[in-house]
Amino acid sequence: MARPTKWNKEIEEKALAYIDDYQMYGDMIPSIEGMAEHLGLHRDTLYDWAKQKDKGFSDILGRCMQVQAKTLVNNGLNNTFNSAITKLVLGKHGYHDKMEQDITSSDESMKPTVIQLVSKHESSS
């Protein structure tokens, strides 16, 4: 038997208030952990609510993470946040470095290998 839920409209309003005023609660960025602490709940409870389609809590958690990413990007760009920490946390949002290398020596002794795919119909002609 499932235990009764603490979910109610007041919890929803407090969660939304946290997203808008996370700094008032001592947080540099909004987070699921910060929201859970503000609500007096364990973060797993919030994740469980997010899985239940009838509550709509997944939108609240999604908005929290969206505001978190925006805050990280803006404060990383204006150097308010440490760039290494910003980069690390943004990795949780799908951001990553992309590096391309073209390895060619100045005397062209190291050239990239080109592999060409040819259909068997073209090669038999």
N, C-alpha and C. Protein backbone atom coordinates (compact mmCIF):
# COMPACT_ATOMS: atom_id res chain seq x y z
N MET A 1 0.84 -1.19 0.00
CA MET A 1 0.00 0.00 0.00
C MET A 1 0.88 1.24 0.00
N ALA A 2 0.61 2.14 -0.91
CA ALA A 2 1.39 3.37 -1.02
C ALA A 2 1.03 4.32 0.13
N ARG A 3 2.05 4.99 0.63
CA ARG A 3 1.76 5.94 1.70
C ARG A 3 1.19 7.21 1.11
N PRO A 4 0.46 7.97 1.90
CA PRO A 4 -0.19 9.18 1.38
C PRO A 4 0.86 10.20 0.93
N THR A 5 0.54 10.94 -0.11
CA THR A 5 1.45 11.94 -0.66
C THR A 5 1.28 13.27 0.07
N LYS A 6 2.36 14.02 0.13
CA LYS A 6 2.32 15.36 0.72
C LYS A 6 1.98 16.40 -0.35
N TRP A 7 1.80 15.94 -1.58
CA TRP A 7 1.53 16.85 -2.69
C TRP A 7 0.24 17.61 -2.47
N ASN A 8 0.32 18.92 -2.64
CA ASN A 8 -0.88 19.76 -2.63
C ASN A 8 -0.54 21.06 -3.35
N LYS A 9 -1.52 21.89 -3.50
CA LYS A 9 -1.35 23.15 -4.25
C LYS A 9 -0.33 24.06 -3.56
N GLU A 10 -0.28 24.03 -2.24
CA GLU A 10 0.66 24.87 -1.49
C GLU A 10 2.11 24.46 -1.80
N ILE A 11 2.35 23.15 -1.90
CA ILE A 11 3.68 22.65 -2.25
C ILE A 11 4.06 23.13 -3.65
N GLU A 12 3.12 23.05 -4.57
CA GLU A 12 3.37 23.51 -5.94
C GLU A 12 3.73 24.99 -5.94
N GLU A 13 2.99 25.80 -5.21
CA GLU A 13 3.26 27.25 -5.15
C GLU A 13 4.62 27.53 -4.52
N LYS A 14 4.97 26.77 -3.47
CA LYS A 14 6.28 26.94 -2.83
C LYS A 14 7.41 26.55 -3.78
N ALA A 15 7.19 25.51 -4.57
CA ALA A 15 8.20 25.07 -5.53
C ALA A 15 8.42 26.15 -6.59
N LEU A 16 7.34 26.71 -7.10
CA LEU A 16 7.46 27.78 -8.09
C LEU A 16 8.10 29.03 -7.49
N ALA A 17 7.76 29.33 -6.25
CA ALA A 17 8.37 30.48 -5.57
C ALA A 17 9.87 30.28 -5.41
N TYR A 18 10.27 29.05 -5.13
CA TYR A 18 11.70 28.76 -5.01
C TYR A 18 12.43 29.08 -6.32
N ILE A 19 11.84 28.68 -7.43
CA ILE A 19 12.49 28.93 -8.73
C ILE A 19 12.66 30.42 -8.95
N ASP A 20 11.66 31.19 -8.60
CA ASP A 20 11.72 32.64 -8.81
C ASP A 20 12.65 33.33 -7.82
N ASP A 21 12.76 32.81 -6.60
CA ASP A 21 13.49 33.50 -5.54
C ASP A 21 14.57 32.64 -4.89
N TYR A 22 15.18 31.74 -5.65
CA TYR A 22 16.17 30.81 -5.09
C TYR A 22 17.28 31.51 -4.34
N GLN A 23 17.64 32.72 -4.76
CA GLN A 23 18.73 33.45 -4.10
C GLN A 23 18.34 33.85 -2.67
N MET A 24 17.05 34.10 -2.46
CA MET A 24 16.57 34.43 -1.11
C MET A 24 16.80 33.28 -0.14
N TYR A 25 16.90 32.07 -0.67
CA TYR A 25 17.10 30.89 0.17
C TYR A 25 18.56 30.49 0.25
N GLY A 26 19.44 31.36 -0.21
CA GLY A 26 20.88 31.14 -0.09
C GLY A 26 21.51 30.34 -1.20
N ASP A 27 20.81 30.14 -2.30
CA ASP A 27 21.35 29.35 -3.41
C ASP A 27 21.89 30.26 -4.52
N MET A 28 23.03 29.87 -5.09
CA MET A 28 23.62 30.61 -6.21
C MET A 28 22.89 30.31 -7.51
N ILE A 29 22.41 29.08 -7.62
CA ILE A 29 21.63 28.65 -8.78
C ILE A 29 20.45 27.83 -8.25
N PRO A 30 19.34 27.82 -8.96
CA PRO A 30 18.25 26.95 -8.52
C PRO A 30 18.64 25.50 -8.76
N SER A 31 18.22 24.63 -7.87
CA SER A 31 18.55 23.21 -8.02
C SER A 31 17.43 22.36 -7.44
N ILE A 32 17.40 21.12 -7.85
CA ILE A 32 16.41 20.18 -7.32
C ILE A 32 16.67 20.00 -5.82
N GLU A 33 17.93 19.90 -5.43
CA GLU A 33 18.27 19.74 -4.02
C GLU A 33 17.83 20.96 -3.21
N GLY A 34 18.07 22.16 -3.75
CA GLY A 34 17.64 23.37 -3.06
C GLY A 34 16.14 23.44 -2.91
N MET A 35 15.43 23.05 -3.97
CA MET A 35 13.97 23.04 -3.93
C MET A 35 13.48 22.05 -2.89
N ALA A 36 14.06 20.86 -2.88
CA ALA A 36 13.66 19.82 -1.92
C ALA A 36 13.88 20.31 -0.49
N GLU A 37 15.01 20.94 -0.26
CA GLU A 37 15.29 21.46 1.08
C GLU A 37 14.28 22.54 1.47
N HIS A 38 13.99 23.42 0.53
CA HIS A 38 13.01 24.48 0.77
C HIS A 38 11.62 23.91 1.10
N LEU A 39 11.29 22.81 0.45
CA LEU A 39 9.99 22.19 0.67
C LEU A 39 9.98 21.24 1.87
N GLY A 40 11.16 20.95 2.42
CA GLY A 40 11.26 20.03 3.54
C GLY A 40 11.04 18.58 3.13
N LEU A 41 11.47 18.26 1.91
CA LEU A 41 11.28 16.92 1.36
C LEU A 41 12.60 16.38 0.85
N HIS A 42 12.64 15.09 0.57
CA HIS A 42 13.81 14.48 -0.06
C HIS A 42 13.68 14.66 -1.58
N ARG A 43 14.80 14.85 -2.24
CA ARG A 43 14.75 15.07 -3.70
C ARG A 43 14.11 13.91 -4.44
N ASP A 44 14.24 12.68 -3.92
CA ASP A 44 13.61 11.53 -4.57
C ASP A 44 12.09 11.68 -4.64
N THR A 45 11.52 12.33 -3.63
CA THR A 45 10.07 12.60 -3.64
C THR A 45 9.72 13.48 -4.83
N LEU A 46 10.54 14.50 -5.08
CA LEU A 46 10.28 15.40 -6.22
C LEU A 46 10.39 14.64 -7.54
N TYR A 47 11.39 13.78 -7.65
CA TYR A 47 11.53 12.98 -8.87
C TYR A 47 10.35 12.03 -9.04
N ASP A 48 9.88 11.45 -7.94
CA ASP A 48 8.71 10.56 -8.01
C ASP A 48 7.48 11.33 -8.49
N TRP A 49 7.28 12.53 -7.96
CA TRP A 49 6.14 13.36 -8.38
C TRP A 49 6.26 13.69 -9.86
N ALA A 50 7.48 13.94 -10.32
CA ALA A 50 7.69 14.29 -11.73
C ALA A 50 7.29 13.15 -12.65
N LYS A 51 7.40 11.90 -12.17
CA LYS A 51 7.03 10.74 -12.98
C LYS A 51 5.51 10.56 -13.07
N GLN A 52 4.78 11.17 -12.15
CA GLN A 52 3.32 11.03 -12.13
C GLN A 52 2.72 12.11 -13.01
N LYS A 53 2.16 11.71 -14.13
CA LYS A 53 1.65 12.64 -15.14
C LYS A 53 0.55 13.56 -14.60
N ASP A 54 -0.25 13.10 -13.63
CA ASP A 54 -1.38 13.88 -13.17
C ASP A 54 -0.99 15.10 -12.34
N LYS A 55 0.24 15.12 -11.81
CA LYS A 55 0.64 16.24 -10.96
C LYS A 55 1.22 17.41 -11.75
N GLY A 56 1.84 17.16 -12.89
CA GLY A 56 2.45 18.23 -13.66
C GLY A 56 3.76 18.72 -13.05
N PHE A 57 4.30 17.95 -12.11
CA PHE A 57 5.51 18.40 -11.42
C PHE A 57 6.74 18.31 -12.32
N SER A 58 6.67 17.49 -13.36
CA SER A 58 7.82 17.41 -14.26
C SER A 58 8.08 18.75 -14.92
N ASP A 59 7.02 19.52 -15.18
CA ASP A 59 7.20 20.86 -15.75
C ASP A 59 7.90 21.79 -14.76
N ILE A 60 7.59 21.63 -13.48
CA ILE A 60 8.23 22.47 -12.46
C ILE A 60 9.71 22.13 -12.37
N LEU A 61 10.04 20.83 -12.35
CA LEU A 61 11.45 20.45 -12.30
C LEU A 61 12.18 20.86 -13.59
N GLY A 62 11.49 20.72 -14.71
CA GLY A 62 12.07 21.16 -15.99
C GLY A 62 12.37 22.64 -16.00
N ARG A 63 11.45 23.42 -15.46
CA ARG A 63 11.65 24.87 -15.39
C ARG A 63 12.81 25.20 -14.47
N CYS A 64 12.91 24.49 -13.36
CA CYS A 64 14.03 24.70 -12.43
C CYS A 64 15.36 24.47 -13.14
N MET A 65 15.45 23.38 -13.90
CA MET A 65 16.69 23.07 -14.61
C MET A 65 16.96 24.06 -15.74
N GLN A 66 15.90 24.56 -16.36
CA GLN A 66 16.04 25.56 -17.41
C GLN A 66 16.60 26.87 -16.84
N VAL A 67 16.07 27.30 -15.71
CA VAL A 67 16.56 28.52 -15.07
C VAL A 67 17.99 28.31 -14.59
N GLN A 68 18.29 27.09 -14.11
CA GLN A 68 19.65 26.78 -13.69
C GLN A 68 20.62 26.93 -14.85
N ALA A 69 20.30 26.35 -16.00
CA ALA A 69 21.18 26.44 -17.17
C ALA A 69 21.36 27.88 -17.62
N LYS A 70 20.28 28.64 -17.66
CA LYS A 70 20.36 30.04 -18.08
C LYS A 70 21.24 30.84 -17.11
N THR A 71 21.07 30.59 -15.83
CA THR A 71 21.87 31.28 -14.82
C THR A 71 23.35 30.94 -14.97
N LEU A 72 23.63 29.67 -15.21
CA LEU A 72 25.02 29.24 -15.40
C LEU A 72 25.64 29.88 -16.63
N VAL A 73 24.92 29.87 -17.74
CA VAL A 73 25.44 30.46 -18.97
C VAL A 73 25.71 31.95 -18.77
N ASN A 74 24.73 32.68 -18.27
CA ASN A 74 24.89 34.12 -18.10
C ASN A 74 26.02 34.46 -17.13
N ASN A 75 26.07 33.79 -15.99
CA ASN A 75 27.10 34.10 -15.00
C ASN A 75 28.47 33.56 -15.41
N GLY A 76 28.49 32.53 -16.23
CA GLY A 76 29.76 32.06 -16.78
C GLY A 76 30.31 33.04 -17.80
N LEU A 77 29.42 33.59 -18.62
CA LEU A 77 29.85 34.53 -19.66
C LEU A 77 30.31 35.87 -19.08
N ASN A 78 29.67 36.30 -18.00
CA ASN A 78 30.08 37.60 -17.43
C ASN A 78 31.12 37.43 -16.33
N ASN A 79 31.65 36.21 -16.18
CA ASN A 79 32.72 35.89 -15.24
C ASN A 79 32.32 36.04 -13.77
N THR A 80 31.04 36.00 -13.47
CA THR A 80 30.60 36.01 -12.08
C THR A 80 30.88 34.65 -11.44
N PHE A 81 30.71 33.57 -12.22
CA PHE A 81 30.96 32.22 -11.74
C PHE A 81 32.31 31.74 -12.26
N ASN A 82 32.95 30.88 -11.52
CA ASN A 82 34.18 30.25 -11.94
C ASN A 82 33.91 29.44 -13.21
N SER A 83 34.70 29.65 -14.23
CA SER A 83 34.43 29.02 -15.53
C SER A 83 34.54 27.50 -15.46
N ALA A 84 35.46 26.97 -14.66
CA ALA A 84 35.61 25.52 -14.57
C ALA A 84 34.38 24.89 -13.93
N ILE A 85 33.86 25.50 -12.89
CA ILE A 85 32.66 24.98 -12.22
C ILE A 85 31.45 25.12 -13.14
N THR A 86 31.36 26.27 -13.82
CA THR A 86 30.25 26.49 -14.74
C THR A 86 30.25 25.42 -15.83
N LYS A 87 31.42 25.16 -16.39
CA LYS A 87 31.55 24.16 -17.45
C LYS A 87 31.16 22.77 -16.94
N LEU A 88 31.59 22.46 -15.73
CA LEU A 88 31.28 21.16 -15.14
C LEU A 88 29.77 20.98 -14.97
N VAL A 89 29.10 21.98 -14.41
CA VAL A 89 27.66 21.87 -14.17
C VAL A 89 26.88 21.91 -15.48
N LEU A 90 27.32 22.71 -16.44
CA LEU A 90 26.63 22.75 -17.73
C LEU A 90 26.73 21.41 -18.46
N GLY A 91 27.72 20.61 -18.14
CA GLY A 91 27.82 19.27 -18.70
C GLY A 91 26.59 18.43 -18.36
N LYS A 92 25.98 18.69 -17.22
CA LYS A 92 24.76 17.99 -16.82
C LYS A 92 23.56 18.42 -17.65
N HIS A 93 23.70 19.51 -18.37
CA HIS A 93 22.63 20.03 -19.23
C HIS A 93 22.88 19.70 -20.70
N GLY A 94 23.89 18.90 -20.98
CA GLY A 94 24.16 18.49 -22.35
C GLY A 94 25.16 19.36 -23.09
N TYR A 95 25.68 20.40 -22.44
CA TYR A 95 26.69 21.23 -23.08
C TYR A 95 28.03 20.51 -23.00
N HIS A 96 28.85 20.64 -24.05
CA HIS A 96 30.17 20.06 -24.03
C HIS A 96 31.07 20.77 -25.03
N ASP A 97 32.37 20.59 -24.83
CA ASP A 97 33.34 21.16 -25.77
C ASP A 97 33.39 20.30 -27.01
N LYS A 98 33.61 20.95 -28.12
CA LYS A 98 33.81 20.20 -29.35
C LYS A 98 35.13 20.68 -29.93
N MET A 99 36.01 19.72 -30.19
CA MET A 99 37.31 20.08 -30.71
C MET A 99 37.55 19.28 -31.98
N GLU A 100 37.91 19.97 -33.01
CA GLU A 100 38.24 19.30 -34.26
C GLU A 100 39.72 19.52 -34.53
N GLN A 101 40.39 18.49 -35.01
CA GLN A 101 41.80 18.61 -35.32
C GLN A 101 42.04 18.18 -36.76
N ASP A 102 42.83 18.97 -37.43
CA ASP A 102 43.27 18.62 -38.78
C ASP A 102 44.76 18.37 -38.67
N ILE A 103 45.14 17.11 -38.74
CA ILE A 103 46.55 16.76 -38.56
C ILE A 103 47.21 16.68 -39.93
N THR A 104 47.89 17.75 -40.27
CA THR A 104 48.65 17.81 -41.52
C THR A 104 49.96 18.53 -41.20
N SER A 105 51.06 17.96 -41.60
CA SER A 105 52.35 18.60 -41.35
C SER A 105 52.60 19.66 -42.41
N SER A 106 53.49 20.58 -42.08
CA SER A 106 53.79 21.66 -43.03
C SER A 106 54.41 21.13 -44.32
N ASP A 107 55.16 20.04 -44.25
CA ASP A 107 55.75 19.48 -45.47
C ASP A 107 54.84 18.41 -46.10
N GLU A 108 53.67 18.26 -45.59
CA GLU A 108 52.64 17.34 -46.08
C GLU A 108 53.05 15.87 -45.99
N SER A 109 54.04 15.58 -45.10
CA SER A 109 54.42 14.17 -44.93
C SER A 109 53.34 13.42 -44.14
N MET A 110 52.56 14.14 -43.39
CA MET A 110 51.44 13.53 -42.67
C MET A 110 50.15 14.05 -43.30
N LYS A 111 49.55 13.24 -44.11
CA LYS A 111 48.30 13.62 -44.74
C LYS A 111 47.19 12.76 -44.16
N PRO A 112 46.00 13.33 -44.07
CA PRO A 112 44.88 12.51 -43.59
C PRO A 112 44.57 11.39 -44.57
N THR A 113 44.16 10.26 -44.06
CA THR A 113 43.75 9.14 -44.88
C THR A 113 42.32 9.37 -45.34
N VAL A 114 42.10 9.20 -46.60
CA VAL A 114 40.76 9.37 -47.15
C VAL A 114 40.24 7.99 -47.51
N ILE A 115 39.10 7.66 -46.95
CA ILE A 115 38.46 6.39 -47.26
C ILE A 115 37.22 6.70 -48.07
N GLN A 116 37.16 6.10 -49.23
CA GLN A 116 36.04 6.38 -50.12
C GLN A 116 35.18 5.12 -50.22
N LEU A 117 33.90 5.28 -49.96
CA LEU A 117 32.98 4.16 -50.07
C LEU A 117 32.37 4.15 -51.48
N VAL A 118 32.46 3.00 -52.10
CA VAL A 118 31.95 2.85 -53.45
C VAL A 118 30.99 1.66 -53.46
N SER A 119 29.86 1.84 -54.10
CA SER A 119 28.90 0.74 -54.15
C SER A 119 29.45 -0.35 -55.06
N LYS A 120 29.03 -1.57 -54.84
CA LYS A 120 29.55 -2.67 -55.66
C LYS A 120 29.10 -2.54 -57.10
N HIS A 121 28.04 -1.81 -57.36
CA HIS A 121 27.59 -1.60 -58.73
C HIS A 121 28.55 -0.69 -59.48
N GLU A 122 29.13 0.28 -58.79
CA GLU A 122 30.08 1.18 -59.45
C GLU A 122 31.41 0.49 -59.72
N SER A 123 31.84 -0.36 -58.79
CA SER A 123 33.16 -0.98 -58.93
C SER A 123 33.21 -2.06 -60.02
N SER A 124 32.08 -2.67 -60.36
CA SER A 124 32.07 -3.71 -61.39
C SER A 124 31.94 -3.16 -62.80
N SER A 125 31.73 -1.88 -62.96
CA SER A 125 31.56 -1.32 -64.31
C SER A 125 32.87 -1.06 -64.98
